[in-house]
């Protein structure tokens, strides 16, 4: 397992060249601490969710 810091994750995300204007995705799932939401521009609507939190919510929601 390789740990990646927030700066490396930000660099990777930007380097991928995702065009949020194309509505490629609505939600970005990420594992661990990050600051990707800081990269979201005002006109972009994608949401960021932590994998662990989403997993627990879906497993145990009543």
N, C-alpha and C. Protein backbone atom coordinates (compact mmCIF):
# COMPACT_ATOMS: atom_id res chain seq x y z
N UNK A 1 0.84 -1.18 0.00
CA UNK A 1 0.00 0.00 0.00
C UNK A 1 0.89 1.25 0.00
N UNK A 2 0.54 2.21 -0.81
CA UNK A 2 1.31 3.44 -0.91
C UNK A 2 0.46 4.59 -0.39
N UNK A 3 1.00 5.34 0.56
CA UNK A 3 0.31 6.53 1.04
C UNK A 3 0.64 7.69 0.12
N UNK A 4 -0.37 8.48 -0.16
CA UNK A 4 -0.21 9.65 -1.02
C UNK A 4 -0.69 10.87 -0.25
N UNK A 5 0.12 11.91 -0.22
CA UNK A 5 -0.31 13.10 0.51
C UNK A 5 -1.27 13.92 -0.35
N UNK A 6 -1.88 14.91 0.27
CA UNK A 6 -2.90 15.72 -0.42
C UNK A 6 -2.35 16.43 -1.64
N UNK A 7 -1.13 16.91 -1.55
CA UNK A 7 -0.54 17.64 -2.68
C UNK A 7 -0.36 16.71 -3.89
N UNK A 8 0.10 15.49 -3.64
CA UNK A 8 0.28 14.52 -4.73
C UNK A 8 -1.08 14.15 -5.33
N UNK A 9 -2.10 14.02 -4.49
CA UNK A 9 -3.45 13.71 -4.98
C UNK A 9 -3.98 14.86 -5.83
N UNK A 10 -3.78 16.09 -5.38
CA UNK A 10 -4.21 17.26 -6.15
C UNK A 10 -3.52 17.28 -7.52
N UNK A 11 -2.22 17.04 -7.52
CA UNK A 11 -1.45 17.05 -8.76
C UNK A 11 -1.97 15.99 -9.72
N UNK A 12 -2.21 14.79 -9.20
CA UNK A 12 -2.73 13.70 -10.02
C UNK A 12 -4.10 14.07 -10.60
N UNK A 13 -4.98 14.61 -9.77
CA UNK A 13 -6.33 14.96 -10.19
C UNK A 13 -6.32 15.98 -11.32
N UNK A 14 -5.51 17.01 -11.17
CA UNK A 14 -5.39 18.05 -12.20
C UNK A 14 -4.76 17.48 -13.46
N UNK A 15 -3.73 16.65 -13.30
CA UNK A 15 -3.01 16.07 -14.44
C UNK A 15 -3.91 15.18 -15.29
N UNK A 16 -4.91 14.57 -14.69
CA UNK A 16 -5.81 13.70 -15.44
C UNK A 16 -6.63 14.48 -16.46
N UNK A 17 -6.76 15.78 -16.25
CA UNK A 17 -7.46 16.62 -17.21
C UNK A 17 -8.96 16.40 -17.25
N UNK A 18 -9.52 15.98 -16.12
CA UNK A 18 -10.97 15.81 -16.10
C UNK A 18 -11.65 17.12 -16.44
N UNK A 19 -12.59 17.07 -17.34
CA UNK A 19 -13.32 18.26 -17.71
C UNK A 19 -14.69 18.20 -17.05
N UNK A 20 -14.80 18.88 -15.94
CA UNK A 20 -16.06 18.85 -15.20
C UNK A 20 -17.19 19.54 -15.97
N UNK A 21 -16.85 20.34 -16.94
CA UNK A 21 -17.88 20.98 -17.75
C UNK A 21 -18.59 19.98 -18.64
N UNK A 22 -17.95 18.85 -18.93
CA UNK A 22 -18.56 17.79 -19.73
C UNK A 22 -19.49 16.91 -18.90
N UNK A 23 -19.63 17.23 -17.65
CA UNK A 23 -20.47 16.44 -16.73
C UNK A 23 -20.02 14.99 -16.69
N UNK A 24 -18.70 14.79 -16.70
CA UNK A 24 -18.13 13.46 -16.65
C UNK A 24 -18.52 12.72 -15.38
N UNK A 25 -18.64 13.44 -14.29
CA UNK A 25 -18.96 12.81 -13.03
C UNK A 25 -19.69 13.79 -12.12
N UNK A 26 -20.46 13.22 -11.19
CA UNK A 26 -21.17 14.03 -10.20
C UNK A 26 -20.52 13.93 -8.84
N UNK A 27 -19.90 12.78 -8.57
CA UNK A 27 -19.31 12.52 -7.27
C UNK A 27 -17.90 11.96 -7.46
N UNK A 28 -16.98 12.44 -6.63
CA UNK A 28 -15.63 11.91 -6.60
C UNK A 28 -15.46 11.24 -5.25
N UNK A 29 -15.12 9.95 -5.27
CA UNK A 29 -14.88 9.20 -4.04
C UNK A 29 -13.38 9.14 -3.80
N UNK A 30 -12.99 9.41 -2.56
CA UNK A 30 -11.58 9.41 -2.22
C UNK A 30 -11.40 8.71 -0.88
N UNK A 31 -10.26 8.08 -0.74
CA UNK A 31 -9.95 7.34 0.46
C UNK A 31 -8.95 8.13 1.29
N UNK A 32 -9.35 8.61 2.46
CA UNK A 32 -8.44 9.31 3.36
C UNK A 32 -8.52 10.82 3.28
N UNK A 33 -7.70 11.44 4.12
CA UNK A 33 -7.67 12.90 4.19
C UNK A 33 -7.24 13.49 2.86
N UNK A 34 -7.85 14.60 2.52
CA UNK A 34 -7.53 15.25 1.25
C UNK A 34 -8.06 16.68 1.28
N UNK A 35 -7.72 17.43 0.27
CA UNK A 35 -8.26 18.79 0.12
C UNK A 35 -8.68 19.04 -1.33
N UNK A 36 -9.18 17.99 -1.98
CA UNK A 36 -9.61 18.10 -3.37
C UNK A 36 -10.71 19.14 -3.58
N UNK A 37 -11.56 19.32 -2.58
CA UNK A 37 -12.64 20.30 -2.75
C UNK A 37 -12.11 21.69 -3.01
N UNK A 38 -10.89 21.95 -2.57
CA UNK A 38 -10.28 23.26 -2.83
C UNK A 38 -10.00 23.47 -4.32
N UNK A 39 -9.96 22.39 -5.10
CA UNK A 39 -9.72 22.49 -6.53
C UNK A 39 -11.00 22.77 -7.33
N UNK A 40 -12.15 22.55 -6.69
CA UNK A 40 -13.43 22.74 -7.39
C UNK A 40 -13.64 24.22 -7.65
N UNK A 41 -13.98 24.53 -8.89
CA UNK A 41 -14.26 25.92 -9.27
C UNK A 41 -15.72 26.25 -8.96
N UNK A 42 -16.03 27.52 -8.88
CA UNK A 42 -17.37 27.96 -8.51
C UNK A 42 -18.46 27.39 -9.41
N UNK A 43 -18.17 27.27 -10.71
CA UNK A 43 -19.19 26.80 -11.65
C UNK A 43 -19.32 25.27 -11.67
N UNK A 44 -18.44 24.57 -10.98
CA UNK A 44 -18.48 23.11 -10.97
C UNK A 44 -19.37 22.60 -9.84
N UNK A 45 -20.03 21.50 -10.09
CA UNK A 45 -21.01 21.01 -9.11
C UNK A 45 -20.67 19.64 -8.53
N UNK A 46 -19.52 19.05 -8.88
CA UNK A 46 -19.21 17.73 -8.36
C UNK A 46 -19.03 17.78 -6.85
N UNK A 47 -19.32 16.65 -6.24
CA UNK A 47 -19.22 16.52 -4.79
C UNK A 47 -18.13 15.53 -4.46
N UNK A 48 -17.54 15.70 -3.30
CA UNK A 48 -16.49 14.81 -2.84
C UNK A 48 -17.02 14.00 -1.66
N UNK A 49 -16.80 12.70 -1.69
CA UNK A 49 -17.23 11.84 -0.59
C UNK A 49 -16.09 10.92 -0.19
N UNK A 50 -15.98 10.71 1.11
CA UNK A 50 -15.00 9.76 1.62
C UNK A 50 -15.55 8.35 1.49
N UNK A 51 -14.74 7.46 0.96
CA UNK A 51 -15.17 6.09 0.73
C UNK A 51 -15.63 5.43 2.03
N UNK A 52 -14.85 5.60 3.11
CA UNK A 52 -15.19 4.94 4.36
C UNK A 52 -16.54 5.38 4.89
N UNK A 53 -16.78 6.69 4.86
CA UNK A 53 -18.05 7.22 5.36
C UNK A 53 -19.22 6.75 4.52
N UNK A 54 -19.05 6.76 3.21
CA UNK A 54 -20.12 6.33 2.31
C UNK A 54 -20.41 4.83 2.50
N UNK A 55 -19.38 4.04 2.65
CA UNK A 55 -19.54 2.61 2.87
C UNK A 55 -20.34 2.35 4.15
N UNK A 56 -19.94 2.99 5.23
CA UNK A 56 -20.65 2.79 6.50
C UNK A 56 -22.10 3.26 6.42
N UNK A 57 -22.32 4.38 5.78
CA UNK A 57 -23.68 4.90 5.64
C UNK A 57 -24.55 3.89 4.88
N UNK A 58 -24.04 3.38 3.79
CA UNK A 58 -24.83 2.46 2.97
C UNK A 58 -25.01 1.09 3.62
N UNK A 59 -24.03 0.65 4.37
CA UNK A 59 -24.12 -0.66 5.01
C UNK A 59 -25.13 -0.66 6.16
N UNK A 60 -25.22 0.47 6.86
CA UNK A 60 -26.00 0.47 8.09
C UNK A 60 -27.19 1.42 8.08
N UNK A 61 -27.53 1.99 6.95
CA UNK A 61 -28.70 2.87 6.94
C UNK A 61 -29.96 2.00 7.06
N UNK A 62 -30.88 2.52 7.79
CA UNK A 62 -32.11 1.77 8.07
C UNK A 62 -33.23 2.24 7.18
